[in-house]
Amino acid sequence: MKGVEKRAFKQAVFAVREQEAALDIVQDAMLRLAEKYGDRPDAELPLLFHRIMQNAIRDWFRRQKVRSLWTTLLSSLSSSREDEDQDPLETLEAADGSNREEAPGEQLERAQTLEIIDEEISRLPERQRQAFLMRYWEELDVAETARRMRCSEGSVKTHCSRAAHSLAAALKARGITL
């Protein structure tokens, strides 16, 4: 886990844009991995950890959405305003640390695109998916990826190339250009 913690933290910060929440997500994911999958072979752990991290990030966004919904609903019930014509959205403040530059439509589009990419990655053949995630998600070099996959460096390059071409074609077919 030592080799993955910094990358996992960067990924979580990028996803949720809050350092404290990202740290909590990574710690929870590591604990879940240790508790539920500690008996698994070492080769399976990186992919399991990746899946646990993605699920933890999605759960975080769901919790934020529910909290935001209830806060908005409860604040709209208060009728102690002096000016009844006041728009409640004008007084609603963004949460501390939230990304104010990104519009809600952009956030939704980014979330949907990431979900589609995740779905398409899960459809790749296992070896291509492993090579792709290790090289581009975990940022491992070709030699380390080959060692973990127990194959040659040439095989890693082939698997990554095929995965990238398959993903590009699948995303293009769904109207996504990156």
Protein backbone atom coordinates (compact mmCIF):
# COMPACT_ATOMS: atom_id res chain seq x y z
CA MET A 1 0.00 0.00 0.00
CA LYS A 2 2.99 2.30 0.50
CA GLY A 3 3.57 2.58 -3.22
CA VAL A 4 -0.04 3.41 -4.02
CA GLU A 5 -1.03 5.81 -1.26
CA LYS A 6 0.30 9.01 -2.85
CA ARG A 7 -1.25 8.26 -6.24
CA ALA A 8 -4.53 7.27 -4.61
CA PHE A 9 -4.57 10.51 -2.63
CA LYS A 10 -3.90 12.56 -5.79
CA GLN A 11 -6.73 10.74 -7.57
CA ALA A 12 -9.14 11.33 -4.72
CA VAL A 13 -8.21 15.04 -4.45
CA PHE A 14 -8.70 15.41 -8.18
CA ALA A 15 -12.12 13.76 -7.95
CA VAL A 16 -13.58 15.45 -4.87
CA ARG A 17 -11.46 18.64 -4.76
CA GLU A 18 -11.19 18.54 -0.96
CA GLN A 19 -8.01 17.34 0.70
CA GLU A 20 -9.61 16.26 3.97
CA ALA A 21 -12.36 14.31 2.21
CA ALA A 22 -9.80 12.75 -0.14
CA LEU A 23 -7.68 11.61 2.79
CA ASP A 24 -10.74 10.06 4.43
CA ILE A 25 -11.67 8.30 1.19
CA VAL A 26 -8.19 6.81 0.74
CA GLN A 27 -7.99 5.70 4.36
CA ASP A 28 -11.43 4.09 4.22
CA ALA A 29 -10.57 2.35 0.95
CA MET A 30 -7.34 0.97 2.43
CA LEU A 31 -9.17 -0.27 5.51
CA ARG A 32 -11.87 -1.95 3.41
CA LEU A 33 -9.22 -3.62 1.28
CA ALA A 34 -7.36 -4.91 4.33
CA GLU A 35 -10.53 -6.07 6.12
CA LYS A 36 -12.31 -7.75 3.24
CA TYR A 37 -9.56 -8.78 0.83
CA GLY A 38 -6.46 -9.29 3.00
CA ASP A 39 -6.38 -12.98 2.13
CA ARG A 40 -6.26 -12.37 -1.65
CA PRO A 41 -3.06 -12.77 -3.69
CA ASP A 42 -0.93 -9.63 -4.02
CA ALA A 43 -1.51 -9.47 -7.78
CA GLU A 44 -5.24 -8.89 -7.28
CA LEU A 45 -4.91 -6.11 -4.71
CA PRO A 46 -4.21 -3.14 -7.04
CA LEU A 47 -7.35 -3.73 -9.11
CA LEU A 48 -9.44 -4.37 -6.01
CA PHE A 49 -8.12 -1.20 -4.41
CA HIS A 50 -8.92 0.78 -7.56
CA ARG A 51 -12.51 -0.48 -7.56
CA ILE A 52 -12.92 0.22 -3.82
CA MET A 53 -11.56 3.77 -4.35
CA GLN A 54 -13.97 4.45 -7.22
CA ASN A 55 -16.92 3.20 -5.18
CA ALA A 56 -15.84 5.32 -2.19
CA ILE A 57 -15.64 8.42 -4.39
CA ARG A 58 -19.10 7.74 -5.83
CA ASP A 59 -20.47 7.24 -2.31
CA TRP A 60 -18.94 10.56 -1.25
CA PHE A 61 -20.67 12.36 -4.13
CA ARG A 62 -23.98 10.68 -3.30
CA ARG A 63 -23.71 11.76 0.35
CA GLN A 64 -22.88 15.32 -0.73
CA LYS A 65 -25.88 15.38 -3.04
CA VAL A 66 -28.23 14.18 -0.28
CA ARG A 67 -26.81 16.69 2.23
CA SER A 68 -27.16 19.49 -0.28
CA LEU A 69 -30.73 18.50 -1.08
CA TRP A 70 -31.79 18.43 2.57
CA THR A 71 -30.03 21.71 3.34
CA THR A 72 -31.79 23.39 0.43
CA LEU A 73 -35.16 21.94 1.34
CA LEU A 74 -34.89 22.86 5.02
CA SER A 75 -33.67 26.37 4.28
CA SER A 76 -36.63 26.93 1.96
CA LEU A 77 -39.03 26.16 4.81
CA SER A 78 -37.93 29.11 6.90
CA SER A 79 -40.38 31.94 6.34
CA SER A 80 -38.73 34.53 8.57
CA ARG A 81 -37.56 36.62 5.63
CA GLU A 82 -38.24 40.33 5.63
CA ASP A 83 -38.54 40.49 1.87
CA GLU A 84 -40.89 37.79 0.56
CA ASP A 85 -39.90 38.49 -3.06
CA GLN A 86 -36.33 37.48 -2.38
CA ASP A 87 -35.00 34.60 -4.46
CA PRO A 88 -33.70 31.85 -2.12
CA LEU A 89 -31.02 30.88 -4.65
CA GLU A 90 -29.45 34.33 -4.31
CA THR A 91 -28.81 33.73 -0.62
CA LEU A 92 -27.62 30.15 -0.96
CA GLU A 93 -23.87 30.00 -0.40
CA ALA A 94 -21.57 27.36 -1.81
CA ALA A 95 -20.01 24.95 0.66
CA ASP A 96 -16.54 25.84 1.86
CA GLY A 97 -13.88 24.35 -0.36
CA SER A 98 -16.28 23.61 -3.18
CA ASN A 99 -15.26 24.19 -6.75
CA ARG A 100 -17.04 27.43 -7.56
CA GLU A 101 -15.52 27.81 -11.03
CA GLU A 102 -17.20 24.73 -12.46
CA ALA A 103 -20.84 25.17 -13.41
CA PRO A 104 -23.34 22.47 -12.41
CA GLY A 105 -23.79 21.45 -16.05
CA GLU A 106 -20.04 20.97 -16.39
CA GLN A 107 -19.92 18.96 -13.17
CA LEU A 108 -22.71 16.71 -14.41
CA GLU A 109 -21.06 16.27 -17.80
CA ARG A 110 -17.71 15.42 -16.17
CA ALA A 111 -19.36 12.91 -13.82
CA GLN A 112 -21.25 11.27 -16.68
CA THR A 113 -18.13 11.11 -18.84
CA LEU A 114 -16.12 9.52 -16.02
CA GLU A 115 -18.90 6.99 -15.47
CA ILE A 116 -18.92 6.08 -19.17
CA ILE A 117 -15.13 5.76 -19.21
CA ASP A 118 -15.25 3.54 -16.13
CA GLU A 119 -17.95 1.41 -17.78
CA GLU A 120 -15.92 1.06 -20.99
CA ILE A 121 -12.77 0.17 -19.03
CA SER A 122 -14.69 -2.60 -17.27
CA ARG A 123 -15.64 -4.03 -20.70
CA LEU A 124 -12.00 -4.45 -21.77
CA PRO A 125 -10.49 -7.93 -21.69
CA GLU A 126 -8.90 -8.60 -18.31
CA ARG A 127 -5.23 -8.39 -19.38
CA GLN A 128 -5.82 -5.19 -21.36
CA ARG A 129 -7.69 -3.66 -18.42
CA GLN A 130 -4.91 -4.62 -16.00
CA ALA A 131 -2.17 -3.20 -18.20
CA PHE A 132 -4.12 -0.02 -18.94
CA LEU A 133 -4.96 0.69 -15.29
CA MET A 134 -1.46 -0.04 -14.05
CA ARG A 135 0.20 2.11 -16.71
CA TYR A 136 -2.19 5.06 -16.88
CA TRP A 137 -4.11 5.04 -13.63
CA GLU A 138 -1.43 3.88 -11.20
CA GLU A 139 1.29 5.53 -13.32
CA LEU A 140 3.60 2.51 -13.22
CA ASP A 141 6.34 2.22 -15.79
CA VAL A 142 6.38 -0.57 -18.39
CA ALA A 143 8.94 -2.66 -16.51
CA GLU A 144 7.03 -2.57 -13.20
CA THR A 145 3.74 -3.32 -14.96
CA ALA A 146 5.34 -6.29 -16.73
CA ARG A 147 6.73 -7.58 -13.43
CA ARG A 148 3.34 -7.34 -11.70
CA MET A 149 1.50 -8.91 -14.63
CA ARG A 150 4.19 -11.59 -14.98
CA CYS A 151 4.64 -10.98 -18.69
CA SER A 152 7.10 -9.30 -21.05
CA GLU A 153 7.36 -5.54 -21.52
CA GLY A 154 6.31 -6.01 -25.13
CA SER A 155 3.09 -7.69 -23.97
CA VAL A 156 2.37 -4.76 -21.67
CA LYS A 157 2.83 -2.31 -24.55
CA THR A 158 0.59 -4.42 -26.79
CA HIS A 159 -2.13 -4.71 -24.14
CA CYS A 160 -2.00 -0.95 -23.45
CA SER A 161 -2.14 -0.07 -27.12
CA ARG A 162 -5.09 -2.35 -27.77
CA ALA A 163 -6.88 -1.06 -24.69
CA ALA A 164 -6.34 2.57 -25.70
CA HIS A 165 -7.60 1.93 -29.23
CA SER A 166 -10.63 -0.01 -27.95
CA LEU A 167 -11.48 2.72 -25.45
CA ALA A 168 -11.09 5.48 -28.03
CA ALA A 169 -13.38 3.67 -30.46
CA ALA A 170 -15.98 2.88 -27.77
CA LEU A 171 -16.00 6.47 -26.48
CA LYS A 172 -16.18 7.91 -29.99
CA ALA A 173 -19.16 5.63 -30.72
CA ARG A 174 -20.85 7.12 -27.63
CA GLY A 175 -20.13 10.66 -28.78
CA ILE A 176 -17.27 11.42 -26.38
CA THR A 177 -14.09 12.96 -27.70
CA LEU A 178 -11.27 13.63 -25.27
